[in-house]
């Protein structure tokens, strides 16, 4: 899938977020890691935007006519 390339970094980001949300203060975020995760979120948003644009421009939201599928 197109989003698979983000999985490892996204899982790491989510684990950090969960640790902070549950009150664990053991994780110190460096500026390098902060920039890494900001870039990750930007890349994910861009990929999602691209997928939405393709979905709309190719009209994938429309049902295909049954007779079109049988040809």
PDB file of N, CA and C in Angstrom:
ATOM      1  N   UNK A   1       0.825  -1.193   0.000  1.00  0.00           N
ATOM      2  CA  UNK A   1       0.000   0.000   0.000  1.00  0.00           C
ATOM      3  C   UNK A   1       0.865   1.252   0.000  1.00  0.00           C
ATOM      4  N   UNK A   2       0.250   2.315  -0.360  1.00  0.00           N
ATOM      5  CA  UNK A   2       0.980   3.573  -0.471  1.00  0.00           C
ATOM      6  C   UNK A   2       1.388   4.144   0.879  1.00  0.00           C
ATOM      7  N   UNK A   3       0.705   3.754   1.930  1.00  0.00           N
ATOM      8  CA  UNK A   3       1.017   4.281   3.255  1.00  0.00           C
ATOM      9  C   UNK A   3       1.942   3.366   4.056  1.00  0.00           C
ATOM     10  N   UNK A   4       2.253   2.201   3.530  1.00  0.00           N
ATOM     11  CA  UNK A   4       3.108   1.248   4.241  1.00  0.00           C
ATOM     12  C   UNK A   4       4.479   1.823   4.578  1.00  0.00           C
ATOM     13  N   UNK A   5       5.000   2.672   3.724  1.00  0.00           N
ATOM     14  CA  UNK A   5       6.330   3.240   3.958  1.00  0.00           C
ATOM     15  C   UNK A   5       6.373   4.114   5.211  1.00  0.00           C
ATOM     16  N   UNK A   6       5.226   4.517   5.717  1.00  0.00           N
ATOM     17  CA  UNK A   6       5.162   5.364   6.906  1.00  0.00           C
ATOM     18  C   UNK A   6       4.981   4.572   8.196  1.00  0.00           C
ATOM     19  N   UNK A   7       4.694   3.278   8.084  1.00  0.00           N
ATOM     20  CA  UNK A   7       4.266   2.481   9.236  1.00  0.00           C
ATOM     21  C   UNK A   7       5.240   2.500  10.413  1.00  0.00           C
ATOM     22  N   UNK A   8       6.499   2.253  10.175  1.00  0.00           N
ATOM     23  CA  UNK A   8       7.465   2.150  11.276  1.00  0.00           C
ATOM     24  C   UNK A   8       7.567   3.477  12.037  1.00  0.00           C
ATOM     25  N   UNK A   9       7.751   4.565  11.307  1.00  0.00           N
ATOM     26  CA  UNK A   9       7.869   5.867  11.968  1.00  0.00           C
ATOM     27  C   UNK A   9       6.562   6.297  12.615  1.00  0.00           C
ATOM     28  N   UNK A  10       5.448   5.980  11.977  1.00  0.00           N
ATOM     29  CA  UNK A  10       4.155   6.332  12.555  1.00  0.00           C
ATOM     30  C   UNK A  10       3.895   5.550  13.841  1.00  0.00           C
ATOM     31  N   UNK A  11       4.230   4.267  13.851  1.00  0.00           N
ATOM     32  CA  UNK A  11       4.082   3.464  15.068  1.00  0.00           C
ATOM     33  C   UNK A  11       4.927   4.039  16.203  1.00  0.00           C
ATOM     34  N   UNK A  12       6.134   4.440  15.880  1.00  0.00           N
ATOM     35  CA  UNK A  12       7.016   5.046  16.880  1.00  0.00           C
ATOM     36  C   UNK A  12       6.422   6.348  17.411  1.00  0.00           C
ATOM     37  N   UNK A  13       5.922   7.164  16.516  1.00  0.00           N
ATOM     38  CA  UNK A  13       5.294   8.438  16.889  1.00  0.00           C
ATOM     39  C   UNK A  13       4.078   8.211  17.789  1.00  0.00           C
ATOM     40  N   UNK A  14       3.259   7.241  17.436  1.00  0.00           N
ATOM     41  CA  UNK A  14       2.068   6.925  18.234  1.00  0.00           C
ATOM     42  C   UNK A  14       2.469   6.417  19.618  1.00  0.00           C
ATOM     43  N   UNK A  15       3.513   5.604  19.702  1.00  0.00           N
ATOM     44  CA  UNK A  15       3.978   5.114  21.007  1.00  0.00           C
ATOM     45  C   UNK A  15       4.452   6.254  21.892  1.00  0.00           C
ATOM     46  N   UNK A  16       5.153   7.216  21.304  1.00  0.00           N
ATOM     47  CA  UNK A  16       5.596   8.394  22.064  1.00  0.00           C
ATOM     48  C   UNK A  16       4.390   9.181  22.544  1.00  0.00           C
ATOM     49  N   UNK A  17       3.445   9.390  21.658  1.00  0.00           N
ATOM     50  CA  UNK A  17       2.233  10.130  22.009  1.00  0.00           C
ATOM     51  C   UNK A  17       1.484   9.434  23.146  1.00  0.00           C
ATOM     52  N   UNK A  18       1.357   8.109  23.053  1.00  0.00           N
ATOM     53  CA  UNK A  18       0.650   7.355  24.090  1.00  0.00           C
ATOM     54  C   UNK A  18       1.374   7.434  25.429  1.00  0.00           C
ATOM     55  N   UNK A  19       2.701   7.373  25.405  1.00  0.00           N
ATOM     56  CA  UNK A  19       3.477   7.482  26.644  1.00  0.00           C
ATOM     57  C   UNK A  19       3.235   8.827  27.315  1.00  0.00           C
ATOM     58  N   UNK A  20       3.265   9.865  26.531  1.00  0.00           N
ATOM     59  CA  UNK A  20       3.033  11.216  27.071  1.00  0.00           C
ATOM     60  C   UNK A  20       1.605  11.336  27.597  1.00  0.00           C
ATOM     61  N   UNK A  21       0.639  10.822  26.835  1.00  0.00           N
ATOM     62  CA  UNK A  21      -0.771  10.920  27.231  1.00  0.00           C
ATOM     63  C   UNK A  21      -1.068  10.168  28.519  1.00  0.00           C
ATOM     64  N   UNK A  22      -0.300   9.107  28.784  1.00  0.00           N
ATOM     65  CA  UNK A  22      -0.523   8.312  29.989  1.00  0.00           C
ATOM     66  C   UNK A  22       0.377   8.735  31.144  1.00  0.00           C
ATOM     67  N   UNK A  23       0.996   9.898  30.996  1.00  0.00           N
ATOM     68  CA  UNK A  23       1.749  10.469  32.098  1.00  0.00           C
ATOM     69  C   UNK A  23       3.173  10.001  32.260  1.00  0.00           C
ATOM     70  N   UNK A  24       3.683   9.282  31.309  1.00  0.00           N
ATOM     71  CA  UNK A  24       5.077   8.850  31.396  1.00  0.00           C
ATOM     72  C   UNK A  24       5.974  10.019  30.981  1.00  0.00           C
ATOM     73  N   UNK A  25       6.852  10.398  31.849  1.00  0.00           N
ATOM     74  CA  UNK A  25       7.728  11.538  31.590  1.00  0.00           C
ATOM     75  C   UNK A  25       9.133  11.105  31.196  1.00  0.00           C
ATOM     76  N   UNK A  26       9.299   9.841  30.866  1.00  0.00           N
ATOM     77  CA  UNK A  26      10.639   9.319  30.606  1.00  0.00           C
ATOM     78  C   UNK A  26      11.153   9.655  29.209  1.00  0.00           C
ATOM     79  N   UNK A  27      10.282  10.080  28.299  1.00  0.00           N
ATOM     80  CA  UNK A  27      10.718  10.342  26.932  1.00  0.00           C
ATOM     81  C   UNK A  27      11.039  11.822  26.759  1.00  0.00           C
ATOM     82  N   UNK A  28      12.277  12.093  26.334  1.00  0.00           N
ATOM     83  CA  UNK A  28      12.697  13.462  26.036  1.00  0.00           C
ATOM     84  C   UNK A  28      12.820  13.569  24.523  1.00  0.00           C
ATOM     85  N   UNK A  29      12.071  14.461  23.954  1.00  0.00           N
ATOM     86  CA  UNK A  29      12.045  14.625  22.508  1.00  0.00           C
ATOM     87  C   UNK A  29      13.139  15.593  22.075  1.00  0.00           C
ATOM     88  N   UNK A  30      14.062  15.101  21.273  1.00  0.00           N
ATOM     89  CA  UNK A  30      15.131  15.956  20.757  1.00  0.00           C
ATOM     90  C   UNK A  30      14.604  16.774  19.578  1.00  0.00           C
ATOM     91  N   UNK A  31      15.310  17.821  19.224  1.00  0.00           N
ATOM     92  CA  UNK A  31      14.901  18.640  18.089  1.00  0.00           C
ATOM     93  C   UNK A  31      14.927  17.824  16.799  1.00  0.00           C
ATOM     94  N   UNK A  32      15.888  16.907  16.677  1.00  0.00           N
ATOM     95  CA  UNK A  32      15.949  16.046  15.488  1.00  0.00           C
ATOM     96  C   UNK A  32      14.724  15.147  15.382  1.00  0.00           C
ATOM     97  N   UNK A  33      14.337  14.542  16.499  1.00  0.00           N
ATOM     98  CA  UNK A  33      13.142  13.698  16.496  1.00  0.00           C
ATOM     99  C   UNK A  33      11.887  14.517  16.252  1.00  0.00           C
ATOM    100  N   UNK A  34      11.831  15.698  16.832  1.00  0.00           N
ATOM    101  CA  UNK A  34      10.688  16.579  16.617  1.00  0.00           C
ATOM    102  C   UNK A  34      10.544  16.886  15.129  1.00  0.00           C
ATOM    103  N   UNK A  35      11.639  17.264  14.494  1.00  0.00           N
ATOM    104  CA  UNK A  35      11.604  17.563  13.057  1.00  0.00           C
ATOM    105  C   UNK A  35      11.238  16.324  12.245  1.00  0.00           C
ATOM    106  N   UNK A  36      11.733  15.181  12.661  1.00  0.00           N
ATOM    107  CA  UNK A  36      11.421  13.916  11.977  1.00  0.00           C
ATOM    108  C   UNK A  36       9.915  13.664  11.989  1.00  0.00           C
ATOM    109  N   UNK A  37       9.281  13.870  13.144  1.00  0.00           N
ATOM    110  CA  UNK A  37       7.853  13.594  13.255  1.00  0.00           C
ATOM    111  C   UNK A  37       7.002  14.681  12.608  1.00  0.00           C
ATOM    112  N   UNK A  38       7.460  15.900  12.607  1.00  0.00           N
ATOM    113  CA  UNK A  38       6.753  16.963  11.876  1.00  0.00           C
ATOM    114  C   UNK A  38       6.777  16.629  10.383  1.00  0.00           C
ATOM    115  N   UNK A  39       7.936  16.220   9.890  1.00  0.00           N
ATOM    116  CA  UNK A  39       8.044  15.835   8.475  1.00  0.00           C
ATOM    117  C   UNK A  39       7.181  14.622   8.152  1.00  0.00           C
ATOM    118  N   UNK A  40       7.128  13.683   9.077  1.00  0.00           N
ATOM    119  CA  UNK A  40       6.281  12.502   8.900  1.00  0.00           C
ATOM    120  C   UNK A  40       4.822  12.910   8.733  1.00  0.00           C
ATOM    121  N   UNK A  41       4.340  13.762   9.613  1.00  0.00           N
ATOM    122  CA  UNK A  41       2.942  14.199   9.545  1.00  0.00           C
ATOM    123  C   UNK A  41       2.700  14.957   8.244  1.00  0.00           C
ATOM    124  N   UNK A  42       3.618  15.827   7.856  1.00  0.00           N
ATOM    125  CA  UNK A  42       3.475  16.551   6.592  1.00  0.00           C
ATOM    126  C   UNK A  42       3.425  15.593   5.407  1.00  0.00           C
ATOM    127  N   UNK A  43       4.295  14.595   5.403  1.00  0.00           N
ATOM    128  CA  UNK A  43       4.319  13.617   4.315  1.00  0.00           C
ATOM    129  C   UNK A  43       3.024  12.804   4.268  1.00  0.00           C
ATOM    130  N   UNK A  44       2.523  12.432   5.433  1.00  0.00           N
ATOM    131  CA  UNK A  44       1.261  11.684   5.486  1.00  0.00           C
ATOM    132  C   UNK A  44       0.104  12.520   4.962  1.00  0.00           C
ATOM    133  N   UNK A  45       0.052  13.774   5.356  1.00  0.00           N
ATOM    134  CA  UNK A  45      -1.015  14.661   4.885  1.00  0.00           C
ATOM    135  C   UNK A  45      -0.932  14.835   3.372  1.00  0.00           C
ATOM    136  N   UNK A  46       0.280  15.022   2.861  1.00  0.00           N
ATOM    137  CA  UNK A  46       0.454  15.172   1.424  1.00  0.00           C
ATOM    138  C   UNK A  46       0.011  13.918   0.681  1.00  0.00           C
ATOM    139  N   UNK A  47       0.390  12.743   1.187  1.00  0.00           N
ATOM    140  CA  UNK A  47      -0.012  11.474   0.556  1.00  0.00           C
ATOM    141  C   UNK A  47      -1.526  11.315   0.591  1.00  0.00           C
ATOM    142  N   UNK A  48      -2.139  11.655   1.714  1.00  0.00           N
ATOM    143  CA  UNK A  48      -3.596  11.560   1.824  1.00  0.00           C
ATOM    144  C   UNK A  48      -4.269  12.523   0.854  1.00  0.00           C
ATOM    145  N   UNK A  49      -3.759  13.724   0.751  1.00  0.00           N
ATOM    146  CA  UNK A  49      -4.302  14.706  -0.178  1.00  0.00           C
ATOM    147  C   UNK A  49      -4.222  14.178  -1.614  1.00  0.00           C
ATOM    148  N   UNK A  50      -3.096  13.596  -1.958  1.00  0.00           N
ATOM    149  CA  UNK A  50      -2.910  13.035  -3.295  1.00  0.00           C
ATOM    150  C   UNK A  50      -3.919  11.928  -3.568  1.00  0.00           C
ATOM    151  N   UNK A  51      -4.109  11.048  -2.593  1.00  0.00           N
ATOM    152  CA  UNK A  51      -5.068   9.959  -2.752  1.00  0.00           C
ATOM    153  C   UNK A  51      -6.490  10.482  -2.912  1.00  0.00           C
ATOM    154  N   UNK A  52      -6.846  11.499  -2.170  1.00  0.00           N
ATOM    155  CA  UNK A  52      -8.187  12.091  -2.278  1.00  0.00           C
ATOM    156  C   UNK A  52      -8.373  12.731  -3.649  1.00  0.00           C
ATOM    157  N   UNK A  53      -7.359  13.443  -4.134  1.00  0.00           N
ATOM    158  CA  UNK A  53      -7.439  14.072  -5.449  1.00  0.00           C
ATOM    159  C   UNK A  53      -7.621  13.027  -6.555  1.00  0.00           C
ATOM    160  N   UNK A  54      -6.893  11.930  -6.464  1.00  0.00           N
ATOM    161  CA  UNK A  54      -7.038  10.852  -7.442  1.00  0.00           C
ATOM    162  C   UNK A  54      -8.447  10.268  -7.382  1.00  0.00           C
ATOM    163  N   UNK A  55      -8.918  10.030  -6.178  1.00  0.00           N
ATOM    164  CA  UNK A  55     -10.253   9.474  -5.968  1.00  0.00           C
ATOM    165  C   UNK A  55     -11.319  10.353  -6.617  1.00  0.00           C
ATOM    166  N   UNK A  56     -11.161  11.671  -6.445  1.00  0.00           N
ATOM    167  CA  UNK A  56     -12.147  12.606  -6.991  1.00  0.00           C
ATOM    168  C   UNK A  56     -12.005  12.740  -8.512  1.00  0.00           C
ATOM    169  N   UNK A  57     -10.794  12.955  -8.999  1.00  0.00           N
ATOM    170  CA  UNK A  57     -10.615  13.176 -10.433  1.00  0.00           C
ATOM    171  C   UNK A  57     -10.951  11.939 -11.260  1.00  0.00           C
ATOM    172  N   UNK A  58     -10.716  10.764 -10.709  1.00  0.00           N
ATOM    173  CA  UNK A  58     -11.062   9.529 -11.417  1.00  0.00           C
ATOM    174  C   UNK A  58     -12.482   9.068 -11.111  1.00  0.00           C
ATOM    175  N   UNK A  59     -13.214   9.849 -10.350  1.00  0.00           N
ATOM    176  CA  UNK A  59     -14.619   9.589  -9.997  1.00  0.00           C
ATOM    177  C   UNK A  59     -14.826   8.176  -9.450  1.00  0.00           C
ATOM    178  N   UNK A  60     -13.918   7.764  -8.589  1.00  0.00           N
ATOM    179  CA  UNK A  60     -13.991   6.423  -8.013  1.00  0.00           C
ATOM    180  C   UNK A  60     -15.155   6.259  -7.040  1.00  0.00           C
ATOM    181  N   UNK A  61     -15.788   7.360  -6.691  1.00  0.00           N
ATOM    182  CA  UNK A  61     -16.914   7.328  -5.772  1.00  0.00           C
ATOM    183  C   UNK A  61     -18.205   6.911  -6.482  1.00  0.00           C
ATOM    184  N   UNK A  62     -18.185   6.898  -7.823  1.00  0.00           N
ATOM    185  CA  UNK A  62     -19.374   6.514  -8.573  1.00  0.00           C
ATOM    186  C   UNK A  62     -19.447   5.004  -8.722  1.00  0.00           C
ATOM    187  N   UNK A  63     -20.663   4.479  -8.652  1.00  0.00           N
ATOM    188  CA  UNK A  63     -20.861   3.053  -8.907  1.00  0.00           C
ATOM    189  C   UNK A  63     -20.689   2.806 -10.391  1.00  0.00           C
ATOM    190  N   UNK A  64     -20.052   1.697 -10.698  1.00  0.00           N
ATOM    191  CA  UNK A  64     -19.925   1.328 -12.102  1.00  0.00           C
ATOM    192  C   UNK A  64     -21.199   0.638 -12.561  1.00  0.00           C
ATOM    193  N   UNK A  65     -21.555   0.907 -13.776  1.00  0.00           N
ATOM    194  CA  UNK A  65     -22.724   0.279 -14.366  1.00  0.00           C
ATOM    195  C   UNK A  65     -22.445  -1.223 -14.529  1.00  0.00           C
ATOM    196  N   UNK A  66     -23.408  -2.056 -14.220  1.00  0.00           N
ATOM    197  CA  UNK A  66     -23.243  -3.506 -14.282  1.00  0.00           C
ATOM    198  C   UNK A  66     -22.901  -3.931 -15.711  1.00  0.00           C
ATOM    199  N   UNK A  67     -23.465  -3.304 -16.703  1.00  0.00           N
ATOM    200  CA  UNK A  67     -23.188  -3.698 -18.089  1.00  0.00           C
ATOM    201  C   UNK A  67     -21.759  -3.345 -18.477  1.00  0.00           C
ATOM    202  N   UNK A  68     -21.174  -2.309 -17.872  1.00  0.00           N
ATOM    203  CA  UNK A  68     -19.790  -1.959 -18.148  1.00  0.00           C
ATOM    204  C   UNK A  68     -18.857  -3.050 -17.645  1.00  0.00           C
ATOM    205  N   UNK A  69     -19.187  -3.657 -16.529  1.00  0.00           N
ATOM    206  CA  UNK A  69     -18.343  -4.689 -15.927  1.00  0.00           C
ATOM    207  C   UNK A  69     -18.402  -6.011 -16.695  1.00  0.00           C
ATOM    208  N   UNK A  70     -19.487  -6.249 -17.430  1.00  0.00           N
ATOM    209  CA  UNK A  70     -19.626  -7.528 -18.115  1.00  0.00           C
ATOM    210  C   UNK A  70     -18.930  -7.560 -19.466  1.00  0.00           C
ATOM    211  N   UNK A  71     -18.467  -6.436 -19.960  1.00  0.00           N
ATOM    212  CA  UNK A  71     -17.778  -6.384 -21.271  1.00  0.00           C
ATOM    213  C   UNK A  71     -16.341  -6.742 -21.167  1.00  0.00           C
TER     214      UNK A  71
END
